[in-house]
Amino acid sequence: MYLSAASLQAAQADDAPAQRKLEMLTLAQCPAKPVVVFENGARETFDTWDKVIAAIKPDAGIFAYNRPGYGNSEATEQPRDGFTIVNELRATLRRQGLQPPYILVGHSLGGLYMQLFARAYPRDVKGLVLVDSLYPGIVKKTEEFPLYSRVAKRLFLNQTLNREIDEIHRTGAQVLALPWSGQVAVERLINAPRGPGAIPVDFGAFNSGKKLTDTINGLYPNAHITVVDSDHRMQTATPEAVVAAIRRVMPAAGDPDC
């Protein structure tokens, strides 16, 4: 047993290299079971995964955490580009005794980080579940945001989120710079709300168009795609869709019996 918890309560541990506190949840009673690693979206904390974790924890190890600057995790002065965040996560997993290959689950911006993880360390990854994920090229460079969006970003978002947003475009470039082997099973969950109140708002910060759509679809040509009438935070609105996607990549990840 690595570190177990009887409930979905947070554990705090020292992030040794940076000497900071990192809020995390680790449930890994059986080394034979795959470890599912959750990465939050921007402005999110790991409690948003509670319903998903409750459903899959009998069949998998669990690792969820709050990136530095979120929840009770201390902020950091380290860069907030994707490579830095991915390498911090990978080091934390190993310090917790959680061995690969992992099933990576990322929501929104967290999905962009998980794509980079899977490309940078393909031998560490057995499955990739992208929950209404960001993809390279969707978010503009911050200097290309309209003035009102740049002002609002600085006034209303905290320093951690500002720094992450500033690095989204570069993180996307990091993803595109690495090859995709196609050996990792990929599940793409796409939110497509159909209700009358489903009005997209982008504040002039997002790119769109057929060329971009074709580029995104070409990133993971063998991915299994599920379109859901949901909310952007699919893990809370339609957790059953996220659970089903994780289970589709889980059988190949390890022996479920201990």
Protein backbone atom coordinates (compact mmCIF):
# COMPACT_ATOMS: atom_id res chain seq x y z
CA MET A 1 0.00 0.00 0.00
CA TYR A 2 1.39 3.36 -0.95
CA LEU A 3 -0.78 5.97 0.74
CA SER A 4 -4.42 5.18 1.28
CA ALA A 5 -7.36 7.23 2.43
CA ALA A 6 -10.75 6.00 3.54
CA SER A 7 -12.63 8.90 2.02
CA LEU A 8 -12.26 11.67 -0.53
CA GLN A 9 -10.45 13.89 1.94
CA ALA A 10 -7.36 15.80 0.90
CA ALA A 11 -3.90 14.82 2.04
CA GLN A 12 -1.09 17.33 2.18
CA ALA A 13 2.51 16.42 1.45
CA ASP A 14 5.77 18.27 1.08
CA ASP A 15 6.76 18.86 -2.52
CA ALA A 16 10.41 18.27 -1.66
CA PRO A 17 12.28 19.95 -4.55
CA ALA A 18 10.38 23.22 -4.12
CA GLN A 19 9.82 22.88 -0.35
CA ARG A 20 6.15 23.67 -0.67
CA LYS A 21 2.87 22.09 0.33
CA LEU A 22 0.92 20.26 -2.35
CA GLU A 23 -2.69 19.27 -1.73
CA MET A 24 -3.37 15.81 -3.10
CA LEU A 25 -5.45 12.67 -2.89
CA THR A 26 -3.74 9.30 -3.32
CA LEU A 27 -5.65 6.01 -3.25
CA ALA A 28 -3.55 3.06 -4.34
CA GLN A 29 -4.16 -0.10 -2.35
CA CYS A 30 -3.26 -2.58 -5.11
CA PRO A 31 -0.10 -2.34 -7.24
CA ALA A 32 -1.72 -4.57 -9.89
CA LYS A 33 -4.38 -1.98 -10.64
CA PRO A 34 -3.74 0.96 -12.97
CA VAL A 35 -3.27 4.41 -11.48
CA VAL A 36 -5.65 7.05 -12.85
CA VAL A 37 -4.13 10.54 -12.69
CA PHE A 38 -6.44 13.56 -12.77
CA GLU A 39 -5.42 17.03 -13.94
CA ASN A 40 -7.77 19.93 -13.25
CA GLY A 41 -8.82 22.70 -15.58
CA ALA A 42 -8.05 26.34 -14.94
CA ARG A 43 -9.67 27.74 -11.77
CA GLU A 44 -10.62 24.20 -10.72
CA THR A 45 -9.71 22.03 -7.74
CA PHE A 46 -9.71 18.25 -7.53
CA ASP A 47 -13.00 18.02 -5.65
CA THR A 48 -14.70 18.45 -9.03
CA TRP A 49 -13.69 14.83 -9.75
CA ASP A 50 -15.39 13.41 -6.63
CA LYS A 51 -18.21 11.61 -8.48
CA VAL A 52 -15.82 10.11 -11.00
CA ILE A 53 -13.32 9.01 -8.34
CA ALA A 54 -16.06 7.40 -6.26
CA ALA A 55 -17.12 5.31 -9.26
CA ILE A 56 -13.70 4.06 -10.34
CA LYS A 57 -11.75 3.76 -7.09
CA PRO A 58 -12.72 0.08 -6.55
CA ASP A 59 -10.98 -0.77 -9.83
CA ALA A 60 -8.00 1.58 -9.97
CA GLY A 61 -5.47 3.55 -8.01
CA ILE A 62 -6.21 7.26 -7.83
CA PHE A 63 -4.07 10.35 -7.87
CA ALA A 64 -5.66 13.81 -7.87
CA TYR A 65 -4.06 17.05 -6.78
CA ASN A 66 -4.22 20.82 -6.93
CA ARG A 67 -1.52 22.51 -8.93
CA PRO A 68 0.58 25.10 -7.08
CA GLY A 69 -1.54 28.15 -6.36
CA TYR A 70 -4.86 26.28 -6.25
CA GLY A 71 -6.78 25.15 -3.17
CA ASN A 72 -4.34 24.57 -0.31
CA SER A 73 -1.34 24.02 -2.57
CA GLU A 74 1.25 26.72 -2.14
CA ALA A 75 2.04 28.93 -5.10
CA THR A 76 5.39 28.68 -6.84
CA GLU A 77 7.74 30.98 -8.68
CA GLN A 78 8.59 28.23 -11.16
CA PRO A 79 7.48 28.82 -14.77
CA ARG A 80 3.90 27.77 -15.58
CA ASP A 81 4.46 26.40 -19.06
CA GLY A 82 3.34 22.85 -19.83
CA PHE A 83 6.75 21.20 -19.62
CA THR A 84 7.34 22.54 -16.12
CA ILE A 85 3.89 21.48 -14.91
CA VAL A 86 4.17 18.02 -16.48
CA ASN A 87 7.60 17.38 -15.02
CA GLU A 88 6.45 18.53 -11.58
CA LEU A 89 3.51 16.12 -11.80
CA ARG A 90 5.67 13.23 -12.97
CA ALA A 91 8.14 13.79 -10.13
CA THR A 92 5.31 13.94 -7.59
CA LEU A 93 3.85 10.66 -8.83
CA ARG A 94 7.18 8.92 -8.39
CA ARG A 95 7.72 10.40 -4.93
CA GLN A 96 4.31 9.00 -3.97
CA GLY A 97 5.42 5.54 -5.14
CA LEU A 98 2.93 5.48 -8.02
CA GLN A 99 4.52 3.66 -10.91
CA PRO A 100 3.61 3.92 -14.60
CA PRO A 101 1.99 3.27 -16.94
CA TYR A 102 -0.77 5.70 -15.97
CA ILE A 103 -4.22 6.52 -17.27
CA LEU A 104 -4.20 10.30 -17.65
CA VAL A 105 -7.45 12.24 -17.33
CA GLY A 106 -7.43 15.96 -18.03
CA HIS A 107 -10.18 18.55 -18.09
CA SER A 108 -9.98 21.73 -20.19
CA LEU A 109 -6.50 23.25 -19.67
CA GLY A 110 -5.60 20.11 -17.72
CA GLY A 111 -6.27 18.16 -20.91
CA LEU A 112 -3.64 20.19 -22.73
CA TYR A 113 -1.12 19.36 -20.00
CA MET A 114 -2.01 15.66 -20.20
CA GLN A 115 -1.52 15.65 -23.96
CA LEU A 116 1.98 16.99 -23.39
CA PHE A 117 2.64 14.37 -20.69
CA ALA A 118 1.57 11.57 -23.06
CA ARG A 119 3.77 12.85 -25.88
CA ALA A 120 6.80 13.59 -23.70
CA TYR A 121 6.65 10.28 -21.81
CA PRO A 122 4.68 7.79 -23.95
CA ARG A 123 6.12 4.78 -22.11
CA ASP A 124 4.59 6.12 -18.90
CA VAL A 125 1.08 6.28 -20.34
CA LYS A 126 -1.47 3.58 -21.10
CA GLY A 127 -4.54 5.71 -21.71
CA LEU A 128 -5.45 9.36 -22.23
CA VAL A 129 -8.93 10.72 -21.47
CA LEU A 130 -9.55 14.30 -22.60
CA VAL A 131 -12.58 15.89 -20.93
CA ASP A 132 -13.73 18.87 -23.04
CA SER A 133 -10.06 19.57 -23.45
CA LEU A 134 -8.14 22.52 -24.79
CA TYR A 135 -6.01 21.71 -27.82
CA PRO A 136 -3.03 23.47 -29.38
CA GLY A 137 -3.96 26.62 -31.26
CA ILE A 138 -7.38 27.20 -29.70
CA VAL A 139 -6.28 29.96 -27.33
CA LYS A 140 -4.59 32.98 -28.86
CA LYS A 141 -1.38 34.48 -27.57
CA THR A 142 -2.36 36.79 -24.72
CA GLU A 143 -0.96 39.81 -26.55
CA GLU A 144 -3.55 39.09 -29.27
CA PHE A 145 -6.46 39.21 -26.81
CA PRO A 146 -8.70 42.27 -27.17
CA LEU A 147 -7.74 45.07 -24.80
CA TYR A 148 -10.84 44.57 -22.63
CA SER A 149 -9.97 40.89 -22.16
CA ARG A 150 -6.37 41.66 -21.22
CA VAL A 151 -7.49 44.26 -18.68
CA ALA A 152 -10.15 41.96 -17.18
CA LYS A 153 -7.63 39.10 -17.00
CA ARG A 154 -5.22 41.19 -14.94
CA LEU A 155 -7.92 42.71 -12.73
CA PHE A 156 -10.07 39.68 -11.91
CA LEU A 157 -7.83 36.59 -12.14
CA ASN A 158 -5.22 35.65 -9.57
CA GLN A 159 -1.50 35.55 -10.30
CA THR A 160 -1.36 31.77 -10.77
CA LEU A 161 -4.14 31.76 -13.34
CA ASN A 162 -2.69 34.75 -15.15
CA ARG A 163 0.66 32.99 -15.44
CA GLU A 164 -0.94 29.77 -16.71
CA ILE A 165 -3.00 31.62 -19.33
CA ASP A 166 0.08 33.51 -20.49
CA GLU A 167 1.75 30.16 -21.22
CA ILE A 168 -1.16 28.33 -22.93
CA HIS A 169 -0.04 29.17 -26.45
CA ARG A 170 3.54 28.08 -25.72
CA THR A 171 2.28 24.88 -24.11
CA GLY A 172 0.32 24.13 -27.27
CA ALA A 173 3.51 24.62 -29.30
CA GLN A 174 5.29 22.20 -26.96
CA VAL A 175 2.59 19.61 -27.66
CA LEU A 176 2.88 20.04 -31.42
CA ALA A 177 6.68 19.82 -31.31
CA LEU A 178 6.54 16.23 -30.05
CA PRO A 179 5.50 13.24 -32.19
CA TRP A 180 2.45 11.13 -31.46
CA SER A 181 3.21 7.41 -31.50
CA GLY A 182 -0.42 6.31 -31.63
CA GLN A 183 0.27 3.58 -29.08
CA VAL A 184 -1.73 5.28 -26.32
CA ALA A 185 -5.50 4.72 -26.27
CA VAL A 186 -7.26 8.10 -26.47
CA GLU A 187 -10.78 9.04 -25.44
CA ARG A 188 -12.05 12.48 -26.41
CA LEU A 189 -15.15 13.76 -24.61
CA ILE A 190 -16.68 16.79 -26.31
CA ASN A 191 -19.32 18.97 -24.72
CA ALA A 192 -22.03 20.02 -27.18
CA PRO A 193 -24.90 21.55 -25.20
CA ARG A 194 -28.21 21.69 -27.04
CA GLY A 195 -30.27 23.77 -24.63
CA PRO A 196 -31.54 27.25 -25.56
CA GLY A 197 -29.22 28.82 -22.99
CA ALA A 198 -26.08 27.32 -24.52
CA ILE A 199 -24.47 30.48 -25.88
CA PRO A 200 -20.70 30.32 -26.38
CA VAL A 201 -18.64 33.20 -24.98
CA ASP A 202 -14.98 33.55 -25.92
CA PHE A 203 -14.04 37.18 -25.02
CA GLY A 204 -12.01 37.32 -28.22
CA ALA A 205 -9.41 34.92 -26.79
CA PHE A 206 -10.06 31.88 -28.97
CA ASN A 207 -9.28 30.89 -32.53
CA SER A 208 -11.75 28.93 -34.64
CA GLY A 209 -12.36 27.75 -38.18
CA LYS A 210 -12.20 24.63 -40.32
CA LYS A 211 -8.41 24.61 -40.58
CA LEU A 212 -8.05 24.56 -36.81
CA THR A 213 -10.76 21.90 -36.46
CA ASP A 214 -9.00 19.72 -39.03
CA THR A 215 -5.68 20.17 -37.20
CA ILE A 216 -7.22 19.14 -33.89
CA ASN A 217 -8.94 16.11 -35.38
CA GLY A 218 -5.64 15.08 -36.93
CA LEU A 219 -3.80 15.08 -33.62
CA TYR A 220 -5.35 11.77 -32.48
CA PRO A 221 -6.81 10.10 -35.58
CA ASN A 222 -7.57 6.85 -33.76
CA ALA A 223 -9.25 8.46 -30.77
CA HIS A 224 -12.69 7.32 -29.65
CA ILE A 225 -14.89 10.44 -29.65
CA THR A 226 -17.98 10.88 -27.50
CA VAL A 227 -20.16 13.97 -27.92
CA VAL A 228 -22.26 14.75 -24.85
CA ASP A 229 -25.03 17.26 -24.16
CA SER A 230 -23.42 18.47 -20.98
CA ASP A 231 -21.59 21.37 -19.38
CA HIS A 232 -17.95 22.35 -19.80
CA ARG A 233 -17.31 20.82 -16.38
CA MET A 234 -18.44 17.43 -17.61
CA GLN A 235 -17.06 15.55 -14.60
CA THR A 236 -19.72 17.16 -12.39
CA ALA A 237 -22.58 17.54 -14.90
CA THR A 238 -22.31 14.13 -16.59
CA PRO A 239 -19.80 12.09 -14.57
CA GLU A 240 -21.10 8.84 -16.04
CA ALA A 241 -19.68 9.83 -19.43
CA VAL A 242 -16.25 10.43 -17.92
CA VAL A 243 -16.38 7.16 -15.97
CA ALA A 244 -17.32 5.24 -19.12
CA ALA A 245 -14.41 6.78 -21.04
CA ILE A 246 -11.94 5.85 -18.31
CA ARG A 247 -13.26 2.30 -18.21
CA ARG A 248 -12.82 1.97 -21.98
CA VAL A 249 -9.07 2.45 -21.63
CA MET A 250 -8.77 0.62 -18.31
CA PRO A 251 -8.86 -3.06 -19.39
CA ALA A 252 -5.56 -2.80 -21.25
CA ALA A 253 -3.89 -1.00 -18.36
CA GLY A 254 -3.34 -3.89 -16.00
CA ASP A 255 -4.67 -6.91 -14.16
CA PRO A 256 -7.72 -5.82 -12.14
CA ASP A 257 -7.19 -8.64 -9.62
CA CYS A 258 -4.87 -8.29 -6.64
